[in-house]
Every structure is written in structure tokens, then in C-alpha cells.
């Protein structure tokens, strides 16, 4: 049983499978932290700052939607915190896990798509190799 469990989500169906596994692993007085990491674009000479700001806000809105959607799938009697942060997913997930002193990260092994995974690498794989405590890889 874990006192704190971090559940990252990208809004994919695969990420929602984590819900089924996590509730049984949580200590009676434990906490689940649901995290979604939003991307952030920086303007360059061919794009207006206003357009980039709108895109960045849409990334934040999507991340908030993702954590709210996942939270709704858990038993409402559980102690659940949600977080939306901007950054690189794997690094941000591990940083939050370390700052919050979680005992387990429950992460899906596949998310948005195989093409993305091919080009940027698997977030789950990076988390497994970076986090020094337990990681539950949900398929």
C-alpha cells in the first residue's frame, strides 16, 4: 500500500486504465495526485505572440480537462489532488514525484500515438529510468 501515488495523464484511453489499478494500491489515508503536463510554444519571427499565447492557453485547457476527466473516474471518497504544469512530460513527472515524495508512479505504457513515441521516445520509459522508486506500467 502506498501513501502517495502519482498518476500522470495525457488524456488518452490508455491513461484511463491507470484508474482501475491505482485504487487498490492506495493506503487508507493515502493521496492520489493526478498530473497533466502541458506543452508550451515560444514565439518566433513568423508567428505573432497573440497566436502563440492562444495555443499555449489551449494546451493548458486540454491538460486541465484531462485531469478533471480522470479525477471523475476515481471513487469520490478518495483523497485526490490535481496538478497542471507546463514542461517536458517525463522530466516534469519525475520532478513532481520527487517533490511530493510519492511512493509510486502509475503510468500508461502507451499514450497519444506510436509516431510520437518513435520520434521523441516513450515518456513512460524515461520515467522508469529516472525515478528511483516504484513505477507501475499500465498496459
N, C-alpha and C. Protein backbone atom coordinates (compact mmCIF):
# COMPACT_ATOMS: atom_id res chain seq x y z
N UNK A 1 0.84 -1.19 0.00
CA UNK A 1 0.00 0.00 0.00
C UNK A 1 0.89 1.25 0.00
N UNK A 2 0.47 2.23 -0.76
CA UNK A 2 1.25 3.45 -0.93
C UNK A 2 0.53 4.64 -0.32
N UNK A 3 1.28 5.49 0.34
CA UNK A 3 0.75 6.71 0.96
C UNK A 3 0.44 7.76 -0.10
N UNK A 4 1.30 7.86 -1.14
CA UNK A 4 1.09 8.81 -2.23
C UNK A 4 1.38 8.12 -3.55
N UNK A 5 0.45 8.30 -4.49
CA UNK A 5 0.60 7.74 -5.83
C UNK A 5 0.41 8.86 -6.84
N UNK A 6 1.35 8.97 -7.77
CA UNK A 6 1.24 9.95 -8.85
C UNK A 6 0.70 9.26 -10.09
N UNK A 7 -0.34 9.85 -10.66
CA UNK A 7 -0.97 9.30 -11.86
C UNK A 7 -0.93 10.36 -12.96
N UNK A 8 0.07 10.27 -13.84
CA UNK A 8 0.12 11.23 -14.95
C UNK A 8 -0.89 10.85 -16.03
N UNK A 9 -1.44 11.86 -16.69
CA UNK A 9 -2.39 11.58 -17.76
C UNK A 9 -2.14 12.51 -18.94
N UNK A 10 -2.30 11.94 -20.13
CA UNK A 10 -2.25 12.75 -21.35
C UNK A 10 -3.62 12.79 -22.02
N UNK A 11 -4.62 12.27 -21.32
CA UNK A 11 -5.97 12.28 -21.85
C UNK A 11 -6.32 11.10 -22.74
N UNK A 12 -5.37 10.21 -22.96
CA UNK A 12 -5.61 9.07 -23.84
C UNK A 12 -6.41 7.98 -23.12
N UNK A 13 -6.99 7.09 -23.91
CA UNK A 13 -7.70 5.95 -23.33
C UNK A 13 -6.77 5.09 -22.50
N UNK A 14 -5.55 4.93 -22.97
CA UNK A 14 -4.57 4.11 -22.25
C UNK A 14 -4.33 4.68 -20.85
N UNK A 15 -4.26 5.99 -20.72
CA UNK A 15 -4.02 6.61 -19.43
C UNK A 15 -5.16 6.34 -18.45
N UNK A 16 -6.38 6.22 -18.96
CA UNK A 16 -7.53 5.98 -18.10
C UNK A 16 -7.50 4.59 -17.46
N UNK A 17 -6.76 3.67 -18.04
CA UNK A 17 -6.66 2.32 -17.47
C UNK A 17 -5.94 2.34 -16.13
N UNK A 18 -5.18 3.38 -15.87
CA UNK A 18 -4.47 3.50 -14.60
C UNK A 18 -5.44 3.54 -13.43
N UNK A 19 -6.61 4.12 -13.66
CA UNK A 19 -7.60 4.27 -12.59
C UNK A 19 -7.96 2.91 -12.00
N UNK A 20 -8.13 1.92 -12.85
CA UNK A 20 -8.52 0.59 -12.40
C UNK A 20 -7.50 -0.02 -11.45
N UNK A 21 -6.24 0.27 -11.64
CA UNK A 21 -5.16 -0.35 -10.86
C UNK A 21 -4.84 0.40 -9.57
N UNK A 22 -4.95 1.71 -9.59
CA UNK A 22 -4.41 2.54 -8.52
C UNK A 22 -5.21 2.48 -7.22
N UNK A 23 -6.52 2.48 -7.29
CA UNK A 23 -7.35 2.50 -6.08
C UNK A 23 -7.02 1.40 -5.10
N UNK A 24 -6.70 0.21 -5.61
CA UNK A 24 -6.38 -0.92 -4.74
C UNK A 24 -5.01 -0.81 -4.10
N UNK A 25 -4.15 0.05 -4.61
CA UNK A 25 -2.78 0.17 -4.11
C UNK A 25 -2.60 1.31 -3.12
N UNK A 26 -3.65 2.10 -2.93
CA UNK A 26 -3.57 3.28 -2.08
C UNK A 26 -3.84 2.93 -0.62
N UNK A 27 -2.99 3.42 0.26
CA UNK A 27 -3.20 3.26 1.70
C UNK A 27 -4.50 3.96 2.09
N UNK A 28 -5.09 3.53 3.19
CA UNK A 28 -6.39 4.06 3.61
C UNK A 28 -6.40 5.58 3.73
N UNK A 29 -5.32 6.16 4.25
CA UNK A 29 -5.25 7.61 4.40
C UNK A 29 -4.36 8.24 3.32
N UNK A 30 -4.20 7.55 2.20
CA UNK A 30 -3.30 7.99 1.16
C UNK A 30 -3.88 9.05 0.24
N UNK A 31 -3.01 9.51 -0.66
CA UNK A 31 -3.38 10.57 -1.61
C UNK A 31 -2.98 10.16 -3.02
N UNK A 32 -3.86 10.45 -3.96
CA UNK A 32 -3.56 10.28 -5.37
C UNK A 32 -3.37 11.66 -5.97
N UNK A 33 -2.27 11.83 -6.69
CA UNK A 33 -2.01 13.09 -7.38
C UNK A 33 -2.13 12.82 -8.87
N UNK A 34 -3.08 13.49 -9.51
CA UNK A 34 -3.27 13.36 -10.95
C UNK A 34 -2.58 14.56 -11.60
N UNK A 35 -1.69 14.26 -12.56
CA UNK A 35 -0.89 15.29 -13.19
C UNK A 35 -1.03 15.25 -14.70
N UNK A 36 -1.19 16.42 -15.30
CA UNK A 36 -1.11 16.53 -16.75
C UNK A 36 -0.10 17.63 -17.06
N UNK A 37 0.78 17.34 -18.00
CA UNK A 37 1.83 18.27 -18.37
C UNK A 37 1.50 18.88 -19.73
N UNK A 38 1.37 20.19 -19.75
CA UNK A 38 1.05 20.91 -20.98
C UNK A 38 2.34 21.34 -21.69
N UNK A 39 2.27 21.34 -22.99
CA UNK A 39 3.38 21.87 -23.79
C UNK A 39 3.32 23.39 -23.79
N UNK A 40 4.43 23.99 -24.19
CA UNK A 40 4.44 25.44 -24.32
C UNK A 40 5.28 25.80 -25.54
N UNK A 41 4.70 26.61 -26.39
CA UNK A 41 5.42 27.09 -27.56
C UNK A 41 5.96 28.48 -27.27
N UNK A 42 7.08 28.79 -27.90
CA UNK A 42 7.63 30.14 -27.80
C UNK A 42 7.53 30.81 -29.17
N UNK A 43 7.20 32.09 -29.19
CA UNK A 43 7.03 32.77 -30.47
C UNK A 43 8.36 32.93 -31.21
N UNK A 44 8.27 32.95 -32.52
CA UNK A 44 9.43 33.29 -33.34
C UNK A 44 8.97 34.28 -34.39
N UNK A 45 9.85 34.70 -35.26
CA UNK A 45 9.57 35.82 -36.15
C UNK A 45 8.40 35.61 -37.09
N UNK A 46 7.99 34.36 -37.34
CA UNK A 46 6.91 34.11 -38.30
C UNK A 46 5.55 33.93 -37.63
N UNK A 47 5.49 34.06 -36.32
CA UNK A 47 4.22 33.89 -35.62
C UNK A 47 4.03 35.04 -34.64
N UNK A 48 2.78 35.43 -34.48
CA UNK A 48 2.51 36.51 -33.53
C UNK A 48 2.45 35.96 -32.11
N UNK A 49 2.82 36.80 -31.16
CA UNK A 49 2.77 36.42 -29.75
C UNK A 49 1.34 36.07 -29.36
N UNK A 50 0.39 36.81 -29.89
CA UNK A 50 -1.03 36.56 -29.59
C UNK A 50 -1.45 35.15 -30.01
N UNK A 51 -1.04 34.74 -31.21
CA UNK A 51 -1.37 33.38 -31.69
C UNK A 51 -0.74 32.31 -30.81
N UNK A 52 0.51 32.52 -30.44
CA UNK A 52 1.21 31.56 -29.57
C UNK A 52 0.55 31.52 -28.20
N UNK A 53 0.18 32.67 -27.66
CA UNK A 53 -0.50 32.71 -26.36
C UNK A 53 -1.82 31.93 -26.41
N UNK A 54 -2.55 32.06 -27.50
CA UNK A 54 -3.81 31.32 -27.64
C UNK A 54 -3.56 29.82 -27.69
N UNK A 55 -2.54 29.42 -28.44
CA UNK A 55 -2.19 27.98 -28.49
C UNK A 55 -1.77 27.47 -27.12
N UNK A 56 -0.92 28.23 -26.44
CA UNK A 56 -0.48 27.80 -25.12
C UNK A 56 -1.65 27.68 -24.14
N UNK A 57 -2.59 28.61 -24.23
CA UNK A 57 -3.78 28.52 -23.37
C UNK A 57 -4.59 27.28 -23.71
N UNK A 58 -4.67 26.94 -24.99
CA UNK A 58 -5.41 25.73 -25.37
C UNK A 58 -4.72 24.47 -24.83
N UNK A 59 -3.39 24.47 -24.78
CA UNK A 59 -2.66 23.34 -24.19
C UNK A 59 -2.98 23.22 -22.70
N UNK A 60 -3.01 24.36 -22.01
CA UNK A 60 -3.35 24.34 -20.57
C UNK A 60 -4.78 23.89 -20.35
N UNK A 61 -5.70 24.37 -21.19
CA UNK A 61 -7.11 23.98 -21.07
C UNK A 61 -7.27 22.47 -21.29
N UNK A 62 -6.57 21.93 -22.27
CA UNK A 62 -6.64 20.49 -22.53
C UNK A 62 -6.09 19.69 -21.35
N UNK A 63 -4.98 20.15 -20.79
CA UNK A 63 -4.39 19.47 -19.64
C UNK A 63 -5.34 19.50 -18.44
N UNK A 64 -5.99 20.64 -18.22
CA UNK A 64 -6.96 20.73 -17.12
C UNK A 64 -8.14 19.80 -17.36
N UNK A 65 -8.62 19.75 -18.59
CA UNK A 65 -9.70 18.83 -18.95
C UNK A 65 -9.29 17.39 -18.66
N UNK A 66 -8.04 17.04 -19.01
CA UNK A 66 -7.55 15.68 -18.81
C UNK A 66 -7.54 15.27 -17.33
N UNK A 67 -7.05 16.17 -16.46
CA UNK A 67 -7.02 15.81 -15.03
C UNK A 67 -8.42 15.76 -14.45
N UNK A 68 -9.29 16.67 -14.88
CA UNK A 68 -10.67 16.66 -14.38
C UNK A 68 -11.40 15.38 -14.81
N UNK A 69 -11.18 14.99 -16.06
CA UNK A 69 -11.81 13.77 -16.58
C UNK A 69 -11.33 12.53 -15.82
N UNK A 70 -10.03 12.47 -15.55
CA UNK A 70 -9.51 11.31 -14.84
C UNK A 70 -9.99 11.32 -13.38
N UNK A 71 -10.00 12.47 -12.74
CA UNK A 71 -10.46 12.56 -11.35
C UNK A 71 -11.89 12.04 -11.22
N UNK A 72 -12.72 12.35 -12.20
CA UNK A 72 -14.12 11.92 -12.17
C UNK A 72 -14.27 10.40 -12.23
N UNK A 73 -13.26 9.71 -12.69
CA UNK A 73 -13.32 8.25 -12.80
C UNK A 73 -12.99 7.55 -11.48
N UNK A 74 -12.36 8.27 -10.55
CA UNK A 74 -12.00 7.69 -9.26
C UNK A 74 -13.16 7.76 -8.28
N UNK A 75 -13.12 6.92 -7.28
CA UNK A 75 -14.07 6.98 -6.18
C UNK A 75 -13.99 8.36 -5.54
N UNK A 76 -15.11 9.08 -5.42
CA UNK A 76 -15.08 10.44 -4.87
C UNK A 76 -14.65 10.51 -3.41
N UNK A 77 -14.63 9.37 -2.73
CA UNK A 77 -14.22 9.36 -1.32
C UNK A 77 -12.70 9.35 -1.15
N UNK A 78 -11.97 9.16 -2.24
CA UNK A 78 -10.51 9.14 -2.16
C UNK A 78 -9.97 10.57 -2.09
N UNK A 79 -8.80 10.71 -1.46
CA UNK A 79 -8.11 12.00 -1.36
C UNK A 79 -7.34 12.21 -2.67
N UNK A 80 -7.84 13.11 -3.52
CA UNK A 80 -7.24 13.31 -4.83
C UNK A 80 -6.89 14.78 -5.03
N UNK A 81 -5.66 14.99 -5.48
CA UNK A 81 -5.18 16.32 -5.83
C UNK A 81 -4.90 16.33 -7.32
N UNK A 82 -5.19 17.44 -7.98
CA UNK A 82 -4.87 17.54 -9.41
C UNK A 82 -3.84 18.65 -9.61
N UNK A 83 -2.99 18.44 -10.61
CA UNK A 83 -1.97 19.42 -10.96
C UNK A 83 -1.88 19.52 -12.47
N UNK A 84 -1.73 20.74 -12.95
CA UNK A 84 -1.44 21.00 -14.35
C UNK A 84 -0.20 21.87 -14.38
N UNK A 85 0.83 21.37 -15.05
CA UNK A 85 2.09 22.09 -15.15
C UNK A 85 2.53 22.18 -16.60
N UNK A 86 3.42 23.09 -16.87
CA UNK A 86 4.00 23.25 -18.19
C UNK A 86 5.42 22.72 -18.16
N UNK A 87 5.77 21.94 -19.19
CA UNK A 87 7.14 21.44 -19.25
C UNK A 87 7.26 20.24 -20.16
N UNK A 88 8.38 19.56 -20.03
CA UNK A 88 8.61 18.32 -20.75
C UNK A 88 8.02 17.20 -19.91
N UNK A 89 7.17 16.34 -20.48
CA UNK A 89 6.42 15.37 -19.68
C UNK A 89 7.25 14.51 -18.73
N UNK A 90 8.22 13.77 -19.23
CA UNK A 90 8.96 12.83 -18.37
C UNK A 90 9.67 13.57 -17.23
N UNK A 91 10.35 14.64 -17.57
CA UNK A 91 11.09 15.39 -16.55
C UNK A 91 10.16 15.99 -15.51
N UNK A 92 9.02 16.51 -15.95
CA UNK A 92 8.07 17.13 -15.03
C UNK A 92 7.43 16.08 -14.13
N UNK A 93 7.11 14.92 -14.69
CA UNK A 93 6.52 13.84 -13.90
C UNK A 93 7.47 13.42 -12.78
N UNK A 94 8.72 13.20 -13.12
CA UNK A 94 9.71 12.77 -12.11
C UNK A 94 9.93 13.87 -11.08
N UNK A 95 10.00 15.11 -11.53
CA UNK A 95 10.20 16.22 -10.59
C UNK A 95 9.06 16.31 -9.59
N UNK A 96 7.83 16.22 -10.05
CA UNK A 96 6.67 16.27 -9.15
C UNK A 96 6.70 15.08 -8.20
N UNK A 97 7.01 13.90 -8.71
CA UNK A 97 7.07 12.70 -7.87
C UNK A 97 8.09 12.87 -6.75
N UNK A 98 9.23 13.44 -7.08
CA UNK A 98 10.27 13.64 -6.06
C UNK A 98 9.87 14.73 -5.07
N UNK A 99 9.33 15.84 -5.57
CA UNK A 99 8.91 16.94 -4.68
C UNK A 99 7.79 16.51 -3.74
N UNK A 100 6.88 15.68 -4.24
CA UNK A 100 5.74 15.24 -3.44
C UNK A 100 6.06 13.99 -2.62
N UNK A 101 7.24 13.43 -2.82
CA UNK A 101 7.68 12.22 -2.14
C UNK A 101 6.69 11.07 -2.33
N UNK A 102 6.28 10.85 -3.59
CA UNK A 102 5.36 9.75 -3.86
C UNK A 102 6.11 8.42 -3.82
N UNK A 103 5.40 7.37 -3.48
CA UNK A 103 5.99 6.04 -3.44
C UNK A 103 5.84 5.28 -4.73
N UNK A 104 4.88 5.72 -5.57
CA UNK A 104 4.58 5.01 -6.81
C UNK A 104 4.12 5.99 -7.87
N UNK A 105 4.61 5.79 -9.09
CA UNK A 105 4.06 6.46 -10.26
C UNK A 105 3.35 5.38 -11.06
N UNK A 106 2.07 5.59 -11.35
CA UNK A 106 1.30 4.66 -12.18
C UNK A 106 1.11 5.34 -13.53
N UNK A 107 1.80 4.82 -14.54
CA UNK A 107 1.82 5.48 -15.84
C UNK A 107 1.49 4.49 -16.94
N UNK A 108 0.78 4.96 -17.95
CA UNK A 108 0.43 4.06 -19.04
C UNK A 108 1.62 3.89 -19.97
N UNK A 109 1.72 2.71 -20.55
CA UNK A 109 2.86 2.41 -21.43
C UNK A 109 2.67 2.96 -22.82
N UNK A 110 1.46 3.38 -23.14
CA UNK A 110 1.23 3.99 -24.45
C UNK A 110 0.22 5.10 -24.30
N UNK A 111 0.45 6.15 -25.08
CA UNK A 111 -0.43 7.30 -24.93
C UNK A 111 -0.97 7.75 -26.26
N UNK A 112 -0.58 8.92 -26.67
CA UNK A 112 -1.17 9.57 -27.84
C UNK A 112 -0.90 8.87 -29.16
N UNK A 113 0.23 8.21 -29.32
CA UNK A 113 0.44 7.55 -30.61
C UNK A 113 1.84 7.03 -30.82
N UNK A 114 1.95 6.04 -31.71
CA UNK A 114 3.23 5.41 -31.98
C UNK A 114 4.20 6.33 -32.71
N UNK A 115 3.71 7.17 -33.60
CA UNK A 115 4.61 8.05 -34.34
C UNK A 115 5.32 8.99 -33.38
N UNK A 116 4.57 9.59 -32.46
CA UNK A 116 5.17 10.48 -31.48
C UNK A 116 6.20 9.73 -30.64
N UNK A 117 5.86 8.52 -30.21
CA UNK A 117 6.77 7.73 -29.40
C UNK A 117 8.05 7.45 -30.16
N UNK A 118 7.94 7.18 -31.46
CA UNK A 118 9.11 6.87 -32.28
C UNK A 118 10.06 8.07 -32.32
N UNK A 119 9.50 9.27 -32.50
CA UNK A 119 10.35 10.45 -32.67
C UNK A 119 10.87 11.03 -31.36
N UNK A 120 10.09 11.03 -30.31
CA UNK A 120 10.55 11.67 -29.09
C UNK A 120 10.82 10.69 -27.96
N UNK A 121 10.57 9.42 -28.18
CA UNK A 121 10.82 8.44 -27.14
C UNK A 121 9.63 8.29 -26.22
N UNK A 122 9.59 7.22 -25.53
CA UNK A 122 8.47 6.94 -24.64
C UNK A 122 8.62 7.68 -23.32
N UNK A 123 7.59 8.44 -22.96
CA UNK A 123 7.59 9.13 -21.68
C UNK A 123 7.70 8.11 -20.55
N UNK A 124 6.93 7.04 -20.66
CA UNK A 124 6.97 6.01 -19.61
C UNK A 124 8.37 5.43 -19.46
N UNK A 125 9.03 5.19 -20.56
CA UNK A 125 10.39 4.63 -20.49
C UNK A 125 11.35 5.60 -19.80
N UNK A 126 11.24 6.87 -20.13
CA UNK A 126 12.10 7.87 -19.50
C UNK A 126 11.82 7.96 -18.00
N UNK A 127 10.55 7.88 -17.62
CA UNK A 127 10.17 7.94 -16.20
C UNK A 127 10.74 6.72 -15.46
N UNK A 128 10.60 5.55 -16.05
CA UNK A 128 11.11 4.33 -15.41
C UNK A 128 12.60 4.44 -15.13
N UNK A 129 13.34 4.99 -16.08
CA UNK A 129 14.80 5.08 -15.93
C UNK A 129 15.24 6.23 -15.03
N UNK A 130 14.36 7.19 -14.77
CA UNK A 130 14.74 8.36 -13.99
C UNK A 130 14.25 8.33 -12.54
N UNK A 131 13.13 7.65 -12.29
CA UNK A 131 12.54 7.65 -10.95
C UNK A 131 13.12 6.50 -10.14
N UNK A 132 13.55 6.80 -8.94
CA UNK A 132 14.25 5.81 -8.11
C UNK A 132 13.35 4.95 -7.24
N UNK A 133 12.05 5.20 -7.30
CA UNK A 133 11.11 4.39 -6.52
C UNK A 133 10.28 3.54 -7.49
N UNK A 134 9.13 3.06 -7.05
CA UNK A 134 8.32 2.15 -7.85
C UNK A 134 7.56 2.87 -8.98
N UNK A 135 7.52 2.19 -10.14
CA UNK A 135 6.73 2.65 -11.27
C UNK A 135 5.87 1.49 -11.71
N UNK A 136 4.56 1.70 -11.79
CA UNK A 136 3.63 0.70 -12.30
C UNK A 136 3.33 1.07 -13.73
N UNK A 137 3.71 0.19 -14.65
CA UNK A 137 3.48 0.40 -16.06
C UNK A 137 2.16 -0.27 -16.42
N UNK A 138 1.16 0.54 -16.77
CA UNK A 138 -0.17 0.03 -17.06
C UNK A 138 -0.33 -0.11 -18.56
N UNK A 139 -0.75 -1.30 -18.99
CA UNK A 139 -0.91 -1.57 -20.44
C UNK A 139 -2.36 -1.45 -20.83
